[in-house]
Protein backbone atom coordinates (compact mmCIF):
# COMPACT_ATOMS: atom_id res chain seq x y z
CA MET A 1 -60.17 -175.60 68.66
CA LEU A 2 -61.38 -179.04 68.19
CA GLN A 3 -60.47 -181.59 65.81
CA GLN A 4 -63.29 -182.75 64.35
CA GLN A 5 -62.29 -186.11 62.36
CA ASP A 6 -62.41 -187.66 59.16
CA PRO A 7 -66.28 -189.04 58.75
CA SER A 8 -65.18 -192.00 56.64
CA ALA A 9 -63.03 -192.68 59.60
CA LEU A 10 -65.60 -192.77 62.03
CA ASN A 11 -67.94 -195.38 59.71
CA GLU A 12 -64.31 -197.66 59.47
CA GLN A 13 -63.86 -197.56 63.26
CA ASP A 14 -67.21 -198.25 63.27
CA PRO A 15 -68.50 -201.92 63.99
CA ASN A 16 -71.96 -202.03 62.94
CA LYS A 17 -70.77 -200.55 59.84
CA LEU A 18 -69.51 -202.54 56.12
CA ARG A 19 -67.74 -200.45 53.11
CA ILE A 20 -69.29 -201.53 50.44
CA HIS A 21 -69.38 -201.86 47.03
CA SER A 22 -72.58 -203.11 45.81
CA ILE A 23 -75.81 -205.28 46.87
CA GLU A 24 -76.72 -207.53 43.47
CA SER A 25 -80.46 -208.99 44.44
CA PHE A 26 -81.32 -212.67 43.17
CA GLY A 27 -78.17 -214.29 42.50
CA THR A 28 -77.97 -217.33 41.80
CA HIS A 29 -73.96 -217.89 40.59
CA ASP A 30 -72.68 -216.77 44.62
CA GLY A 31 -73.04 -220.51 45.56
CA PRO A 32 -76.20 -222.21 46.56
CA GLY A 33 -79.66 -221.74 45.42
CA ILE A 34 -80.82 -217.93 44.90
CA ARG A 35 -79.03 -215.27 46.86
CA MET A 36 -78.68 -211.73 47.92
CA VAL A 37 -74.42 -210.62 47.47
CA VAL A 38 -73.45 -208.35 48.94
CA PHE A 39 -70.00 -206.93 47.59
CA VAL A 40 -67.97 -205.62 49.71
CA GLN A 41 -65.19 -202.56 48.62
CA GLY A 42 -61.28 -203.47 48.95
CA CYS A 43 -58.74 -205.78 47.48
CA GLN A 44 -54.97 -206.45 48.09
CA PHE A 45 -54.93 -209.03 45.37
CA ARG A 46 -53.78 -207.60 42.38
CA CYS A 47 -55.07 -210.02 39.85
CA LEU A 48 -54.36 -208.64 35.61
CA TYR A 49 -57.95 -210.54 34.65
CA CYS A 50 -60.19 -208.54 37.39
CA ALA A 51 -63.38 -208.01 36.15
CA ASN A 52 -63.94 -205.37 38.86
CA PRO A 53 -60.99 -203.40 39.49
CA ASP A 54 -63.66 -200.52 40.45
CA THR A 55 -63.50 -202.40 44.39
CA MET A 56 -59.28 -202.39 44.48
CA ASP A 57 -59.38 -199.63 46.60
CA VAL A 58 -60.00 -200.15 49.90
CA LYS A 59 -60.76 -196.14 50.49
CA GLY A 60 -63.73 -196.42 48.23
CA GLY A 61 -67.00 -198.14 47.84
CA GLN A 62 -70.00 -196.62 50.65
CA PHE A 63 -71.15 -197.85 54.11
CA ILE A 64 -73.52 -199.78 55.57
CA GLU A 65 -75.33 -200.38 58.43
CA ILE A 66 -75.44 -204.17 58.99
CA GLU A 67 -78.98 -204.00 60.37
CA GLU A 68 -79.63 -202.92 56.35
CA ILE A 69 -78.57 -205.12 55.43
CA VAL A 70 -80.33 -208.12 57.60
CA ARG A 71 -82.94 -206.66 56.79
CA ARG A 72 -82.80 -206.93 53.18
CA ALA A 73 -82.19 -210.37 53.84
CA LYS A 74 -85.26 -210.57 55.74
CA ASN A 75 -87.25 -209.41 53.33
CA MET A 76 -85.76 -212.21 50.71
CA LYS A 77 -86.01 -214.90 52.85
CA GLY A 78 -89.01 -215.89 51.03
CA TYR A 79 -86.85 -216.89 46.97
CA PHE A 80 -83.90 -217.90 49.08
CA GLY A 81 -85.70 -221.04 50.14
CA LYS A 82 -84.27 -224.55 50.99
CA GLU A 83 -80.58 -223.52 50.01
CA GLY A 84 -79.91 -219.91 49.01
CA GLY A 85 -79.04 -216.89 51.25
CA VAL A 86 -76.18 -214.00 51.56
CA THR A 87 -73.30 -214.29 49.48
CA ILE A 88 -70.58 -212.14 51.31
CA SER A 89 -68.29 -211.58 47.55
CA GLY A 90 -65.35 -208.75 47.03
CA GLY A 91 -63.32 -207.10 46.72
CA GLU A 92 -61.93 -208.89 49.49
CA PRO A 93 -64.06 -209.40 52.85
CA LEU A 94 -61.40 -210.78 55.20
CA LEU A 95 -60.52 -207.15 55.35
CA GLN A 96 -63.72 -207.22 56.88
CA ARG A 97 -63.51 -210.10 59.28
CA SER A 98 -64.56 -208.63 62.23
CA LYS A 99 -67.56 -207.23 61.30
CA LEU A 100 -68.21 -209.39 58.55
CA LYS A 101 -68.66 -211.73 62.24
CA HIS A 102 -71.09 -209.83 63.17
CA LEU A 103 -73.05 -209.54 60.15
CA PHE A 104 -72.93 -213.42 59.32
CA GLU A 105 -74.32 -213.82 63.75
CA ARG A 106 -76.83 -211.74 62.89
CA LEU A 107 -78.37 -214.06 59.82
CA HIS A 108 -77.82 -216.99 61.59
CA GLU A 109 -80.40 -215.67 64.77
CA GLU A 110 -82.02 -214.54 61.54
CA GLY A 111 -82.37 -218.38 59.73
CA ILE A 112 -80.41 -217.21 57.05
CA ASN A 113 -77.35 -219.07 55.25
CA THR A 114 -73.64 -217.77 54.68
CA CYS A 115 -71.71 -217.47 52.43
CA LEU A 116 -68.17 -216.12 51.75
CA ASP A 117 -66.89 -215.93 48.40
CA SER A 118 -62.13 -214.87 49.47
CA ASN A 119 -59.46 -215.57 48.23
CA GLY A 120 -57.95 -216.45 51.38
CA ARG A 121 -55.58 -213.76 51.93
CA LEU A 122 -55.29 -213.20 55.79
CA VAL A 123 -55.19 -216.79 58.34
CA ASN A 124 -55.91 -215.38 61.57
CA ASP A 125 -57.72 -216.24 64.87
CA GLU A 126 -60.40 -213.83 63.80
CA VAL A 127 -60.68 -215.05 60.28
CA LYS A 128 -60.96 -218.39 62.16
CA GLU A 129 -63.60 -217.45 64.13
CA LEU A 130 -65.41 -215.88 61.46
CA LEU A 131 -65.47 -218.71 58.89
CA ASP A 132 -66.84 -220.28 62.55
CA HIS A 133 -69.81 -219.12 61.71
CA THR A 134 -69.70 -219.21 57.65
CA ASP A 135 -71.90 -222.32 56.33
CA LEU A 136 -70.16 -222.23 52.98
CA ILE A 137 -66.82 -220.35 52.15
CA MET A 138 -66.25 -220.76 47.89
CA LEU A 139 -62.26 -220.65 47.62
CA ASP A 140 -60.54 -218.40 44.61
CA VAL A 141 -57.27 -220.55 43.82
CA LYS A 142 -55.55 -218.54 41.33
CA HIS A 143 -52.76 -220.52 40.34
CA ILE A 144 -51.06 -223.63 42.82
CA ASN A 145 -47.52 -222.31 41.39
CA LEU A 146 -46.08 -219.47 44.30
CA ASP A 147 -43.91 -218.06 41.37
CA TRP A 148 -47.23 -218.03 39.03
CA HIS A 149 -49.25 -217.05 41.73
CA ARG A 150 -47.04 -214.13 41.97
CA LYS A 151 -46.96 -213.23 38.15
CA LEU A 152 -51.13 -213.48 38.06
CA THR A 153 -52.56 -211.47 41.29
CA GLY A 154 -49.05 -209.49 42.55
CA VAL A 155 -49.00 -211.44 46.82
CA SER A 156 -48.20 -215.09 47.20
CA ASN A 157 -50.86 -218.34 47.42
CA VAL A 158 -49.54 -219.50 50.48
CA SER A 159 -51.95 -217.58 53.23
CA THR A 160 -54.46 -219.25 50.43
CA LEU A 161 -53.79 -222.32 50.81
CA LYS A 162 -53.05 -222.19 54.54
CA LEU A 163 -56.75 -221.07 54.34
CA ALA A 164 -58.09 -224.43 52.96
CA GLU A 165 -56.11 -225.94 55.73
CA MET A 166 -57.99 -224.34 58.07
CA ARG A 167 -61.56 -224.85 56.69
CA GLU A 168 -60.56 -228.32 56.32
CA GLU A 169 -59.84 -228.63 59.94
CA SER A 170 -63.39 -227.53 60.62
CA GLY A 171 -64.97 -230.13 58.74
CA LYS A 172 -67.20 -227.62 56.89
CA LYS A 173 -68.20 -226.80 53.56
CA MET A 174 -65.95 -225.20 51.00
CA TRP A 175 -65.84 -224.85 47.20
CA LEU A 176 -62.41 -224.11 45.45
CA ARG A 177 -62.92 -221.27 42.30
CA TYR A 178 -60.24 -221.68 39.52
CA VAL A 179 -59.84 -218.98 36.63
CA LEU A 180 -58.64 -220.21 33.81
CA VAL A 181 -56.97 -218.09 31.69
CA PRO A 182 -54.37 -219.12 27.94
CA ASN A 183 -51.37 -219.54 28.66
CA TRP A 184 -51.58 -217.87 32.51
CA SER A 185 -53.10 -220.41 34.35
CA ASP A 186 -54.07 -223.94 32.03
CA GLN A 187 -51.10 -225.70 32.38
CA GLU A 188 -51.35 -229.16 31.94
CA GLU A 189 -48.70 -230.13 35.57
CA TYR A 190 -50.54 -227.41 37.28
CA LEU A 191 -53.37 -228.09 36.77
CA HIS A 192 -52.30 -232.31 38.28
CA GLU A 193 -50.18 -229.75 41.07
CA LEU A 194 -53.81 -228.56 41.65
CA GLY A 195 -55.69 -231.90 41.57
CA GLN A 196 -53.05 -233.21 43.44
CA HIS A 197 -53.06 -231.18 46.64
CA PHE A 198 -56.86 -231.08 47.57
CA LYS A 199 -57.35 -234.32 46.75
CA ASP A 200 -57.40 -235.78 49.44
CA TYR A 201 -59.57 -232.65 51.14
CA LYS A 202 -63.21 -234.06 52.67
CA THR A 203 -64.63 -231.34 53.33
CA ILE A 204 -64.06 -230.35 49.36
CA GLU A 205 -68.03 -230.60 47.44
CA LYS A 206 -67.27 -229.09 43.79
CA ILE A 207 -64.26 -226.98 42.08
CA GLU A 208 -65.52 -224.44 39.43
CA ILE A 209 -63.80 -223.16 36.53
CA GLN A 210 -64.64 -219.59 35.26
CA PRO A 211 -63.62 -219.74 31.69
CA TYR A 212 -61.32 -215.90 31.50
CA HIS A 213 -63.34 -213.33 29.66
CA LYS A 214 -62.36 -209.58 29.35
CA LEU A 215 -66.31 -207.68 30.43
CA GLY A 216 -64.71 -206.03 33.11
CA VAL A 217 -61.83 -204.13 30.79
CA HIS A 218 -63.76 -201.14 29.52
CA LYS A 219 -62.96 -200.52 33.83
CA TRP A 220 -59.72 -200.25 34.20
CA GLU A 221 -59.93 -198.27 31.16
CA VAL A 222 -62.25 -195.35 32.55
CA LEU A 223 -59.65 -196.44 36.17
CA GLY A 224 -56.82 -195.48 34.10
CA MET A 225 -54.95 -198.16 34.81
CA GLU A 226 -53.75 -200.31 32.53
CA TYR A 227 -54.84 -203.85 31.28
CA LYS A 228 -51.32 -206.30 30.48
CA LEU A 229 -54.06 -208.80 29.10
CA ASN A 230 -55.64 -207.74 26.35
CA ASP A 231 -54.06 -210.24 23.88
CA ILE A 232 -55.77 -213.19 25.92
CA GLU A 233 -58.54 -214.57 24.08
CA ARG A 234 -61.37 -216.93 26.19
CA PRO A 235 -59.63 -220.15 26.32
CA THR A 236 -61.19 -222.26 24.04
CA ASP A 237 -63.85 -225.44 24.57
CA GLU A 238 -61.10 -227.94 23.62
CA THR A 239 -58.99 -227.06 26.64
CA ILE A 240 -61.81 -226.45 28.56
CA ASN A 241 -62.92 -229.90 27.94
CA LYS A 242 -59.42 -231.16 29.21
CA THR A 243 -59.76 -228.81 31.57
CA VAL A 244 -62.95 -230.22 33.04
CA GLU A 245 -60.83 -234.49 32.28
CA ILE A 246 -57.67 -233.22 34.38
CA LEU A 247 -59.12 -231.52 37.35
CA SER A 248 -62.47 -234.63 37.68
CA GLN A 249 -60.07 -236.93 38.02
CA TYR A 250 -59.02 -235.77 41.91
CA PHE A 251 -62.74 -233.92 42.42
CA LYS A 252 -65.68 -234.68 42.99
CA GLU A 253 -67.48 -232.49 40.93
CA VAL A 254 -66.18 -230.05 38.42
CA LYS A 255 -68.76 -227.26 37.08
CA VAL A 256 -67.38 -224.39 34.08
CA ASN A 257 -69.22 -221.29 35.01
């Protein structure tokens, strides 16, 4: 008797199908201009403050044809203007790097800007090829210190920093993103270290500070997962202003989201 293959496994192997969590139209906080934002499914980071823990499961979500994403983007093209386009966020997009390369190639054929929001979990030749078709990468640097990065995410920051080097060598645009968590990522000495590490990069246009919040806590509860930062509150205005003051010494533009 022939054994039937799991439909999900077939979809996983299909280079024309992407595993996603959801799609947002008219996004204004995920890259320049008005954007269609595709949130892919699956992430190997385990950030303690993750606002979307439902995107972590690499076997979750749903599959969508790449051509369907292109069709939707084409329908929105009139709203994108000169700066807008499509942003792939997550989850972690690099887990589906070869499929995204195909998607970005198609979007460029249609004259649509491409943006990647990534934590830099992987660095290899496939990632380099994807970045060649990426107009802007927004790189999420969780912490500059390796030990603190492990405490926050469960993994190393080595690949994240290597990806930043790769992007710098390409000469193509990059933004940094930094979640400001009281007592976890607001230490002044490490903010200076972050700035020192990137101060000579020519491709970084700005760094975006994202103040910690608890908007996703209910999702952890629904999933039966323990949320370990319940005692942490949003950073004070004083802390945010101090962070801006420090990072402004090293970056062209510092924006608070």
